[in-house]
Amino acid sequence: MRNLWIFISRYNAFFFFIIFFSLGIFLTIKNNAYQRSVTVNSTNKVVGDVYNNLNVLKKYINLGTVNDSLAAENAKLKTTILAMQHVDTAKDVLVKDTAGVPQYTYLSARVIKNSITNRNNFITINKGKADGLAEGMPVISPGRGVVGSIKDVSEHLATIQSLLHKNTYISVSVKNTKAFGSMVWGENNFDYRKAQIKEIPNHFKLKLKDTIITSMYSKYPLGTLVGVVSNPGISQGENFKTVEVTLFNDFSSLQYVYVIKNKFAKEQEELEAKLPNEQ
């Protein structure tokens, strides 16, 4: 306390100046209409700018919640659109199963971990068993195409075996020619933007920029986007050729994905398990 009084007495002139200066400004504003108007307008502008910056900050903080909400809404819309596409144009009848439920439904999920530089890459998402996820479910990205399939599931999380994995094989076809093949990654290099289609018959003439989609033999809905042909392949006297594809997905920037639930997946798996093994 003694040091405080010493400090005040030493700088008393400065403190008196501040007090009288503030009092002078107050009296000037109070007794002069012009100065009062200028002060009020300036104060309102400063307060308005502060509130505006606070609102911008608040919107930024809530951006994650907004994105989650939009992803969930898009998943519902994709489910509805997919159901509407199953229409027989000759009879104008919506094709559904006997329970009136579409075969595929979409569940949005946020990517919380991702790798693209390994030989075998995985993705972790924030949905799990509690959300109805199970091993083997296919995964796509919003509007860009194939991502991979569910590998392991816990109560609230799941891992995805990325398309960028040596054991990921996807049945695809060339949209224009209907040629079928098996898509793999890492045959020639580990470029996360490229993949290869093997076993394309030589008699199919592919062109640059031909669109590649999933075939009817894959676990994905027919026609799911995959990429475009970047190298149509060169025949070397064999019956098949390998084609290079530039993927639609940029795996380095994945933020949200859609897990696809197939209503008939388990039934199909159980039925096919009864088939005799090939000799």
C-alpha atoms as a PDB file:
ATOM      1  CA  MET A   1       0.000   0.000   0.000  1.00  0.00           C
ATOM      2  CA  ARG A   2       2.851   2.426   0.891  1.00  0.00           C
ATOM      3  CA  ASN A   3       4.448   1.852  -2.535  1.00  0.00           C
ATOM      4  CA  LEU A   4       1.088   2.600  -4.191  1.00  0.00           C
ATOM      5  CA  TRP A   5       0.832   5.966  -2.449  1.00  0.00           C
ATOM      6  CA  ILE A   6       4.403   6.774  -3.389  1.00  0.00           C
ATOM      7  CA  PHE A   7       3.639   5.941  -7.029  1.00  0.00           C
ATOM      8  CA  ILE A   8       0.479   8.133  -7.023  1.00  0.00           C
ATOM      9  CA  SER A   9       2.213  11.092  -5.343  1.00  0.00           C
ATOM     10  CA  ARG A  10       5.107  10.874  -7.781  1.00  0.00           C
ATOM     11  CA  TYR A  11       2.850  10.957 -10.848  1.00  0.00           C
ATOM     12  CA  ASN A  12      -0.010  13.043  -9.412  1.00  0.00           C
ATOM     13  CA  ALA A  13       0.297  15.649 -12.141  1.00  0.00           C
ATOM     14  CA  PHE A  14      -0.336  13.020 -14.814  1.00  0.00           C
ATOM     15  CA  PHE A  15      -3.354  11.614 -12.995  1.00  0.00           C
ATOM     16  CA  PHE A  16      -4.822  15.109 -12.469  1.00  0.00           C
ATOM     17  CA  PHE A  17      -4.339  15.785 -16.183  1.00  0.00           C
ATOM     18  CA  ILE A  18      -6.233  12.597 -17.111  1.00  0.00           C
ATOM     19  CA  ILE A  19      -9.073  13.406 -14.718  1.00  0.00           C
ATOM     20  CA  PHE A  20      -9.516  17.021 -15.868  1.00  0.00           C
ATOM     21  CA  PHE A  21      -9.053  16.083 -19.543  1.00  0.00           C
ATOM     22  CA  SER A  22     -11.782  13.449 -19.271  1.00  0.00           C
ATOM     23  CA  LEU A  23     -14.041  15.852 -17.415  1.00  0.00           C
ATOM     24  CA  GLY A  24     -13.482  18.476 -20.113  1.00  0.00           C
ATOM     25  CA  ILE A  25     -14.420  16.043 -22.884  1.00  0.00           C
ATOM     26  CA  PHE A  26     -17.519  14.964 -20.961  1.00  0.00           C
ATOM     27  CA  LEU A  27     -18.699  18.580 -20.460  1.00  0.00           C
ATOM     28  CA  THR A  28     -17.971  19.445 -24.087  1.00  0.00           C
ATOM     29  CA  ILE A  29     -20.029  16.534 -25.382  1.00  0.00           C
ATOM     30  CA  LYS A  30     -22.833  17.126 -22.905  1.00  0.00           C
ATOM     31  CA  ASN A  31     -23.256  20.852 -23.623  1.00  0.00           C
ATOM     32  CA  ASN A  32     -22.664  20.908 -27.415  1.00  0.00           C
ATOM     33  CA  ALA A  33     -25.106  19.231 -29.800  1.00  0.00           C
ATOM     34  CA  TYR A  34     -22.642  18.834 -32.676  1.00  0.00           C
ATOM     35  CA  GLN A  35     -19.922  17.171 -30.583  1.00  0.00           C
ATOM     36  CA  ARG A  36     -22.555  14.974 -28.939  1.00  0.00           C
ATOM     37  CA  SER A  37     -23.870  13.856 -32.333  1.00  0.00           C
ATOM     38  CA  VAL A  38     -20.387  13.070 -33.670  1.00  0.00           C
ATOM     39  CA  THR A  39     -19.514  11.098 -30.523  1.00  0.00           C
ATOM     40  CA  VAL A  40     -22.733   9.052 -30.597  1.00  0.00           C
ATOM     41  CA  ASN A  41     -22.295   8.212 -34.281  1.00  0.00           C
ATOM     42  CA  SER A  42     -18.659   7.217 -33.779  1.00  0.00           C
ATOM     43  CA  THR A  43     -19.557   5.100 -30.758  1.00  0.00           C
ATOM     44  CA  ASN A  44     -22.338   3.354 -32.671  1.00  0.00           C
ATOM     45  CA  LYS A  45     -19.927   2.567 -35.511  1.00  0.00           C
ATOM     46  CA  VAL A  46     -17.342   1.104 -33.144  1.00  0.00           C
ATOM     47  CA  VAL A  47     -19.969  -0.967 -31.318  1.00  0.00           C
ATOM     48  CA  GLY A  48     -21.422  -2.117 -34.630  1.00  0.00           C
ATOM     49  CA  ASP A  49     -17.988  -3.219 -35.886  1.00  0.00           C
ATOM     50  CA  VAL A  50     -17.359  -5.113 -32.656  1.00  0.00           C
ATOM     51  CA  TYR A  51     -20.696  -6.942 -32.902  1.00  0.00           C
ATOM     52  CA  ASN A  52     -20.091  -7.715 -36.568  1.00  0.00           C
ATOM     53  CA  ASN A  53     -16.666  -9.220 -35.803  1.00  0.00           C
ATOM     54  CA  LEU A  54     -18.161 -11.219 -32.938  1.00  0.00           C
ATOM     55  CA  ASN A  55     -20.836 -12.590 -35.285  1.00  0.00           C
ATOM     56  CA  VAL A  56     -18.173 -13.582 -37.833  1.00  0.00           C
ATOM     57  CA  LEU A  57     -16.232 -15.360 -35.088  1.00  0.00           C
ATOM     58  CA  LYS A  58     -19.382 -17.084 -33.845  1.00  0.00           C
ATOM     59  CA  LYS A  59     -20.237 -18.283 -37.358  1.00  0.00           C
ATOM     60  CA  TYR A  60     -16.695 -19.629 -37.785  1.00  0.00           C
ATOM     61  CA  ILE A  61     -16.867 -21.490 -34.478  1.00  0.00           C
ATOM     62  CA  ASN A  62     -20.220 -23.018 -35.476  1.00  0.00           C
ATOM     63  CA  LEU A  63     -19.014 -23.920 -38.988  1.00  0.00           C
ATOM     64  CA  GLY A  64     -18.313 -27.536 -38.051  1.00  0.00           C
ATOM     65  CA  THR A  65     -21.858 -28.005 -36.732  1.00  0.00           C
ATOM     66  CA  VAL A  66     -23.323 -26.417 -39.867  1.00  0.00           C
ATOM     67  CA  ASN A  67     -21.247 -28.692 -42.124  1.00  0.00           C
ATOM     68  CA  ASP A  68     -22.359 -31.772 -40.169  1.00  0.00           C
ATOM     69  CA  SER A  69     -25.977 -30.696 -40.579  1.00  0.00           C
ATOM     70  CA  LEU A  70     -25.575 -30.082 -44.318  1.00  0.00           C
ATOM     71  CA  ALA A  71     -23.870 -33.440 -44.817  1.00  0.00           C
ATOM     72  CA  ALA A  72     -26.721 -35.232 -43.030  1.00  0.00           C
ATOM     73  CA  GLU A  73     -29.292 -33.385 -45.129  1.00  0.00           C
ATOM     74  CA  ASN A  74     -27.436 -34.244 -48.343  1.00  0.00           C
ATOM     75  CA  ALA A  75     -27.417 -37.898 -47.320  1.00  0.00           C
ATOM     76  CA  LYS A  76     -31.206 -37.838 -47.021  1.00  0.00           C
ATOM     77  CA  LEU A  77     -31.530 -36.146 -50.413  1.00  0.00           C
ATOM     78  CA  LYS A  78     -29.223 -38.683 -52.080  1.00  0.00           C
ATOM     79  CA  THR A  79     -31.333 -41.511 -50.675  1.00  0.00           C
ATOM     80  CA  THR A  80     -34.486 -39.895 -52.062  1.00  0.00           C
ATOM     81  CA  ILE A  81     -32.905 -39.244 -55.473  1.00  0.00           C
ATOM     82  CA  LEU A  82     -31.630 -42.813 -55.695  1.00  0.00           C
ATOM     83  CA  ALA A  83     -35.104 -44.134 -54.991  1.00  0.00           C
ATOM     84  CA  MET A  84     -36.595 -41.848 -57.650  1.00  0.00           C
ATOM     85  CA  GLN A  85     -34.134 -43.117 -60.245  1.00  0.00           C
ATOM     86  CA  HIS A  86     -35.596 -46.620 -60.003  1.00  0.00           C
ATOM     87  CA  VAL A  87     -38.569 -45.731 -62.160  1.00  0.00           C
ATOM     88  CA  ASP A  88     -39.899 -47.775 -65.048  1.00  0.00           C
ATOM     89  CA  THR A  89     -40.578 -45.013 -67.588  1.00  0.00           C
ATOM     90  CA  ALA A  90     -42.970 -47.236 -69.520  1.00  0.00           C
ATOM     91  CA  LYS A  91     -45.225 -47.836 -66.524  1.00  0.00           C
ATOM     92  CA  ASP A  92     -44.270 -44.837 -64.407  1.00  0.00           C
ATOM     93  CA  VAL A  93     -43.986 -47.049 -61.305  1.00  0.00           C
ATOM     94  CA  LEU A  94     -41.535 -46.501 -58.496  1.00  0.00           C
ATOM     95  CA  VAL A  95     -39.612 -49.740 -57.983  1.00  0.00           C
ATOM     96  CA  LYS A  96     -39.134 -50.563 -54.304  1.00  0.00           C
ATOM     97  CA  ASP A  97     -38.994 -53.698 -52.230  1.00  0.00           C
ATOM     98  CA  THR A  98     -42.128 -55.258 -50.752  1.00  0.00           C
ATOM     99  CA  ALA A  99     -41.839 -53.132 -47.617  1.00  0.00           C
ATOM    100  CA  GLY A 100     -41.802 -49.957 -49.704  1.00  0.00           C
ATOM    101  CA  VAL A 101     -38.272 -49.058 -48.652  1.00  0.00           C
ATOM    102  CA  PRO A 102     -35.474 -48.139 -51.109  1.00  0.00           C
ATOM    103  CA  GLN A 103     -32.632 -50.636 -51.401  1.00  0.00           C
ATOM    104  CA  TYR A 104     -29.955 -48.068 -50.546  1.00  0.00           C
ATOM    105  CA  THR A 105     -29.798 -45.402 -47.857  1.00  0.00           C
ATOM    106  CA  TYR A 106     -26.979 -42.953 -47.145  1.00  0.00           C
ATOM    107  CA  LEU A 107     -25.444 -41.995 -43.804  1.00  0.00           C
ATOM    108  CA  SER A 108     -23.135 -38.982 -43.608  1.00  0.00           C
ATOM    109  CA  ALA A 109     -19.949 -39.146 -41.549  1.00  0.00           C
ATOM    110  CA  ARG A 110     -17.044 -36.829 -40.850  1.00  0.00           C
ATOM    111  CA  VAL A 111     -13.461 -37.862 -41.555  1.00  0.00           C
ATOM    112  CA  ILE A 112     -11.320 -37.572 -38.413  1.00  0.00           C
ATOM    113  CA  LYS A 113      -8.179 -39.313 -39.690  1.00  0.00           C
ATOM    114  CA  ASN A 114      -6.901 -40.105 -43.166  1.00  0.00           C
ATOM    115  CA  SER A 115      -3.719 -41.399 -44.812  1.00  0.00           C
ATOM    116  CA  ILE A 116      -2.648 -41.281 -48.472  1.00  0.00           C
ATOM    117  CA  THR A 117       1.105 -41.922 -48.428  1.00  0.00           C
ATOM    118  CA  ASN A 118       1.194 -45.576 -47.293  1.00  0.00           C
ATOM    119  CA  ARG A 119       0.932 -48.706 -49.406  1.00  0.00           C
ATOM    120  CA  ASN A 120      -2.223 -49.572 -47.456  1.00  0.00           C
ATOM    121  CA  ASN A 121      -4.250 -46.511 -46.466  1.00  0.00           C
ATOM    122  CA  PHE A 122      -7.130 -46.216 -44.021  1.00  0.00           C
ATOM    123  CA  ILE A 123      -9.661 -43.556 -43.056  1.00  0.00           C
ATOM    124  CA  THR A 124     -11.350 -43.093 -39.658  1.00  0.00           C
ATOM    125  CA  ILE A 125     -14.861 -41.617 -39.411  1.00  0.00           C
ATOM    126  CA  ASN A 126     -17.047 -40.479 -36.504  1.00  0.00           C
ATOM    127  CA  LYS A 127     -19.868 -43.032 -36.933  1.00  0.00           C
ATOM    128  CA  GLY A 128     -20.036 -46.648 -35.720  1.00  0.00           C
ATOM    129  CA  LYS A 129     -22.261 -49.512 -34.580  1.00  0.00           C
ATOM    130  CA  ALA A 130     -24.570 -47.111 -32.771  1.00  0.00           C
ATOM    131  CA  ASP A 131     -25.361 -45.590 -36.178  1.00  0.00           C
ATOM    132  CA  GLY A 132     -25.971 -48.948 -37.855  1.00  0.00           C
ATOM    133  CA  LEU A 133     -22.571 -49.327 -39.528  1.00  0.00           C
ATOM    134  CA  ALA A 134     -21.169 -52.765 -40.273  1.00  0.00           C
ATOM    135  CA  GLU A 135     -18.083 -54.261 -41.889  1.00  0.00           C
ATOM    136  CA  GLY A 136     -18.066 -54.226 -45.693  1.00  0.00           C
ATOM    137  CA  MET A 137     -20.421 -51.287 -46.240  1.00  0.00           C
ATOM    138  CA  PRO A 138     -19.335 -49.200 -49.259  1.00  0.00           C
ATOM    139  CA  VAL A 139     -18.321 -45.573 -48.792  1.00  0.00           C
ATOM    140  CA  ILE A 140     -18.402 -42.667 -51.253  1.00  0.00           C
ATOM    141  CA  SER A 141     -17.721 -38.938 -51.042  1.00  0.00           C
ATOM    142  CA  PRO A 142     -20.181 -36.106 -51.712  1.00  0.00           C
ATOM    143  CA  GLY A 143     -20.516 -35.943 -55.494  1.00  0.00           C
ATOM    144  CA  ARG A 144     -17.049 -37.307 -56.241  1.00  0.00           C
ATOM    145  CA  GLY A 145     -17.364 -41.083 -56.120  1.00  0.00           C
ATOM    146  CA  VAL A 146     -15.831 -44.187 -54.555  1.00  0.00           C
ATOM    147  CA  VAL A 147     -13.822 -43.873 -51.319  1.00  0.00           C
ATOM    148  CA  GLY A 148     -13.574 -47.461 -50.029  1.00  0.00           C
ATOM    149  CA  SER A 149     -15.451 -49.785 -47.675  1.00  0.00           C
ATOM    150  CA  ILE A 150     -15.905 -50.175 -43.914  1.00  0.00           C
ATOM    151  CA  LYS A 151     -13.123 -52.277 -42.376  1.00  0.00           C
ATOM    152  CA  ASP A 152     -13.648 -52.286 -38.595  1.00  0.00           C
ATOM    153  CA  VAL A 153     -16.400 -50.815 -36.442  1.00  0.00           C
ATOM    154  CA  SER A 154     -16.571 -49.780 -32.785  1.00  0.00           C
ATOM    155  CA  GLU A 155     -19.543 -48.337 -30.974  1.00  0.00           C
ATOM    156  CA  HIS A 156     -19.047 -44.771 -32.200  1.00  0.00           C
ATOM    157  CA  LEU A 157     -16.211 -44.949 -34.756  1.00  0.00           C
ATOM    158  CA  ALA A 158     -15.286 -46.894 -37.859  1.00  0.00           C
ATOM    159  CA  THR A 159     -12.286 -47.359 -40.122  1.00  0.00           C
ATOM    160  CA  ILE A 160     -12.485 -47.447 -43.905  1.00  0.00           C
ATOM    161  CA  GLN A 161     -10.215 -49.508 -46.123  1.00  0.00           C
ATOM    162  CA  SER A 162      -9.430 -46.807 -48.639  1.00  0.00           C
ATOM    163  CA  LEU A 163      -9.469 -47.282 -52.386  1.00  0.00           C
ATOM    164  CA  LEU A 164      -5.763 -46.519 -51.914  1.00  0.00           C
ATOM    165  CA  HIS A 165      -5.097 -50.014 -50.543  1.00  0.00           C
ATOM    166  CA  LYS A 166      -3.485 -53.033 -52.195  1.00  0.00           C
ATOM    167  CA  ASN A 167      -6.416 -55.305 -51.222  1.00  0.00           C
ATOM    168  CA  THR A 168      -9.161 -53.033 -52.570  1.00  0.00           C
ATOM    169  CA  TYR A 169     -10.669 -54.348 -55.788  1.00  0.00           C
ATOM    170  CA  ILE A 170     -13.691 -52.668 -57.368  1.00  0.00           C
ATOM    171  CA  SER A 171     -15.631 -53.891 -60.371  1.00  0.00           C
ATOM    172  CA  VAL A 172     -15.956 -50.956 -62.766  1.00  0.00           C
ATOM    173  CA  SER A 173     -17.042 -50.310 -66.322  1.00  0.00           C
ATOM    174  CA  VAL A 174     -16.409 -47.707 -69.002  1.00  0.00           C
ATOM    175  CA  LYS A 175     -19.574 -45.676 -69.336  1.00  0.00           C
ATOM    176  CA  ASN A 176     -19.467 -45.337 -73.126  1.00  0.00           C
ATOM    177  CA  THR A 177     -18.288 -48.799 -74.162  1.00  0.00           C
ATOM    178  CA  LYS A 178     -19.653 -50.889 -71.228  1.00  0.00           C
ATOM    179  CA  ALA A 179     -16.270 -52.639 -70.951  1.00  0.00           C
ATOM    180  CA  PHE A 180     -15.741 -54.289 -67.562  1.00  0.00           C
ATOM    181  CA  GLY A 181     -12.616 -54.550 -65.470  1.00  0.00           C
ATOM    182  CA  SER A 182     -11.228 -54.650 -61.936  1.00  0.00           C
ATOM    183  CA  MET A 183      -9.891 -51.419 -60.453  1.00  0.00           C
ATOM    184  CA  VAL A 184      -6.808 -51.532 -58.234  1.00  0.00           C
ATOM    185  CA  TRP A 185      -4.368 -48.981 -56.834  1.00  0.00           C
ATOM    186  CA  GLY A 186      -0.586 -48.897 -56.632  1.00  0.00           C
ATOM    187  CA  GLU A 187       0.210 -51.220 -59.515  1.00  0.00           C
ATOM    188  CA  ASN A 188       2.629 -48.756 -61.127  1.00  0.00           C
ATOM    189  CA  ASN A 189       3.064 -46.027 -58.514  1.00  0.00           C
ATOM    190  CA  PHE A 190       1.555 -44.710 -55.295  1.00  0.00           C
ATOM    191  CA  ASP A 191      -0.027 -41.562 -56.730  1.00  0.00           C
ATOM    192  CA  TYR A 192      -3.232 -40.951 -54.725  1.00  0.00           C
ATOM    193  CA  ARG A 193      -4.803 -39.359 -57.814  1.00  0.00           C
ATOM    194  CA  LYS A 194      -4.359 -42.394 -60.092  1.00  0.00           C
ATOM    195  CA  ALA A 195      -5.611 -45.985 -60.222  1.00  0.00           C
ATOM    196  CA  GLN A 196      -5.550 -48.816 -62.759  1.00  0.00           C
ATOM    197  CA  ILE A 197      -8.189 -51.003 -64.376  1.00  0.00           C
ATOM    198  CA  LYS A 198      -7.007 -54.514 -65.146  1.00  0.00           C
ATOM    199  CA  GLU A 199      -8.443 -57.138 -67.485  1.00  0.00           C
ATOM    200  CA  ILE A 200     -10.021 -54.777 -70.036  1.00  0.00           C
ATOM    201  CA  PRO A 201     -10.399 -56.826 -73.262  1.00  0.00           C
ATOM    202  CA  ASN A 202      -8.162 -55.567 -76.053  1.00  0.00           C
ATOM    203  CA  HIS A 203     -10.972 -55.172 -78.581  1.00  0.00           C
ATOM    204  CA  PHE A 204     -12.501 -52.302 -76.582  1.00  0.00           C
ATOM    205  CA  LYS A 205     -11.198 -48.965 -77.870  1.00  0.00           C
ATOM    206  CA  LEU A 206     -11.025 -46.525 -74.994  1.00  0.00           C
ATOM    207  CA  LYS A 207     -10.510 -42.788 -75.286  1.00  0.00           C
ATOM    208  CA  LEU A 208      -8.998 -40.170 -73.030  1.00  0.00           C
ATOM    209  CA  LYS A 209     -11.554 -38.688 -70.596  1.00  0.00           C
ATOM    210  CA  ASP A 210     -13.925 -41.676 -70.903  1.00  0.00           C
ATOM    211  CA  THR A 211     -15.907 -41.815 -67.661  1.00  0.00           C
ATOM    212  CA  ILE A 212     -15.400 -44.789 -65.352  1.00  0.00           C
ATOM    213  CA  ILE A 213     -18.296 -45.912 -63.122  1.00  0.00           C
ATOM    214  CA  THR A 214     -19.024 -48.850 -60.832  1.00  0.00           C
ATOM    215  CA  SER A 215     -20.508 -51.900 -62.533  1.00  0.00           C
ATOM    216  CA  MET A 216     -23.474 -54.056 -61.584  1.00  0.00           C
ATOM    217  CA  TYR A 217     -21.041 -56.554 -60.025  1.00  0.00           C
ATOM    218  CA  SER A 218     -19.740 -54.164 -57.353  1.00  0.00           C
ATOM    219  CA  LYS A 219     -21.182 -53.509 -53.902  1.00  0.00           C
ATOM    220  CA  TYR A 220     -21.726 -49.865 -54.867  1.00  0.00           C
ATOM    221  CA  PRO A 221     -24.936 -48.632 -56.503  1.00  0.00           C
ATOM    222  CA  LEU A 222     -24.676 -49.076 -60.268  1.00  0.00           C
ATOM    223  CA  GLY A 223     -23.146 -46.038 -61.983  1.00  0.00           C
ATOM    224  CA  THR A 224     -21.321 -44.552 -58.981  1.00  0.00           C
ATOM    225  CA  LEU A 225     -18.599 -42.241 -60.274  1.00  0.00           C
ATOM    226  CA  VAL A 226     -14.961 -43.340 -60.070  1.00  0.00           C
ATOM    227  CA  GLY A 227     -12.821 -41.300 -62.489  1.00  0.00           C
ATOM    228  CA  VAL A 228     -11.802 -40.691 -66.109  1.00  0.00           C
ATOM    229  CA  VAL A 229      -9.382 -42.502 -68.413  1.00  0.00           C
ATOM    230  CA  SER A 230      -5.982 -40.795 -68.459  1.00  0.00           C
ATOM    231  CA  ASN A 231      -4.146 -43.545 -70.374  1.00  0.00           C
ATOM    232  CA  PRO A 232      -6.232 -45.928 -72.524  1.00  0.00           C
ATOM    233  CA  GLY A 233      -3.584 -48.658 -72.324  1.00  0.00           C
ATOM    234  CA  ILE A 234      -1.409 -50.321 -74.931  1.00  0.00           C
ATOM    235  CA  SER A 235      -1.995 -53.835 -76.209  1.00  0.00           C
ATOM    236  CA  GLN A 236       1.075 -56.065 -76.151  1.00  0.00           C
ATOM    237  CA  GLY A 237      -0.350 -59.102 -77.898  1.00  0.00           C
ATOM    238  CA  GLU A 238      -2.284 -60.322 -74.865  1.00  0.00           C
ATOM    239  CA  ASN A 239      -6.044 -60.654 -74.531  1.00  0.00           C
ATOM    240  CA  PHE A 240      -6.324 -57.894 -71.938  1.00  0.00           C
ATOM    241  CA  LYS A 241      -4.795 -54.511 -71.221  1.00  0.00           C
ATOM    242  CA  THR A 242      -4.374 -52.247 -68.218  1.00  0.00           C
ATOM    243  CA  VAL A 243      -5.897 -48.768 -68.281  1.00  0.00           C
ATOM    244  CA  GLU A 244      -4.846 -45.809 -66.125  1.00  0.00           C
ATOM    245  CA  VAL A 245      -7.586 -43.730 -64.483  1.00  0.00           C
ATOM    246  CA  THR A 246      -7.512 -40.291 -62.860  1.00  0.00           C
ATOM    247  CA  LEU A 247      -9.773 -40.501 -59.811  1.00  0.00           C
ATOM    248  CA  PHE A 248     -12.527 -37.985 -59.213  1.00  0.00           C
ATOM    249  CA  ASN A 249     -11.823 -38.000 -55.477  1.00  0.00           C
ATOM    250  CA  ASP A 250      -9.026 -35.905 -54.057  1.00  0.00           C
ATOM    251  CA  PHE A 251      -8.139 -38.146 -51.118  1.00  0.00           C
ATOM    252  CA  SER A 252      -5.855 -35.480 -49.675  1.00  0.00           C
ATOM    253  CA  SER A 253      -8.817 -33.227 -48.831  1.00  0.00           C
ATOM    254  CA  LEU A 254     -11.586 -35.599 -47.734  1.00  0.00           C
ATOM    255  CA  GLN A 255     -13.721 -34.083 -44.976  1.00  0.00           C
ATOM    256  CA  TYR A 256     -17.091 -35.830 -45.266  1.00  0.00           C
ATOM    257  CA  VAL A 257     -18.166 -39.185 -46.677  1.00  0.00           C
ATOM    258  CA  TYR A 258     -21.386 -41.160 -47.156  1.00  0.00           C
ATOM    259  CA  VAL A 259     -21.683 -44.727 -45.922  1.00  0.00           C
ATOM    260  CA  ILE A 260     -24.120 -46.698 -48.094  1.00  0.00           C
ATOM    261  CA  LYS A 261     -26.465 -49.151 -46.401  1.00  0.00           C
ATOM    262  CA  ASN A 262     -27.755 -51.873 -48.715  1.00  0.00           C
ATOM    263  CA  LYS A 263     -31.009 -53.323 -47.384  1.00  0.00           C
ATOM    264  CA  PHE A 264     -30.374 -56.634 -49.167  1.00  0.00           C
ATOM    265  CA  ALA A 265     -26.624 -56.972 -48.493  1.00  0.00           C
ATOM    266  CA  LYS A 266     -26.918 -59.485 -45.653  1.00  0.00           C
ATOM    267  CA  GLU A 267     -29.576 -61.509 -47.461  1.00  0.00           C
ATOM    268  CA  GLN A 268     -27.413 -61.686 -50.596  1.00  0.00           C
ATOM    269  CA  GLU A 269     -24.332 -62.648 -48.585  1.00  0.00           C
ATOM    270  CA  GLU A 270     -26.174 -65.477 -46.786  1.00  0.00           C
ATOM    271  CA  LEU A 271     -27.640 -66.754 -50.049  1.00  0.00           C
ATOM    272  CA  GLU A 272     -24.325 -66.749 -51.918  1.00  0.00           C
ATOM    273  CA  ALA A 273     -22.599 -68.469 -48.962  1.00  0.00           C
ATOM    274  CA  LYS A 274     -24.697 -71.554 -49.736  1.00  0.00           C
ATOM    275  CA  LEU A 275     -23.257 -71.872 -53.241  1.00  0.00           C
ATOM    276  CA  PRO A 276     -20.812 -74.769 -53.739  1.00  0.00           C
ATOM    277  CA  ASN A 277     -17.140 -73.884 -53.833  1.00  0.00           C
ATOM    278  CA  GLU A 278     -15.548 -73.860 -57.284  1.00  0.00           C
ATOM    279  CA  GLN A 279     -13.274 -76.821 -57.923  1.00  0.00           C
END
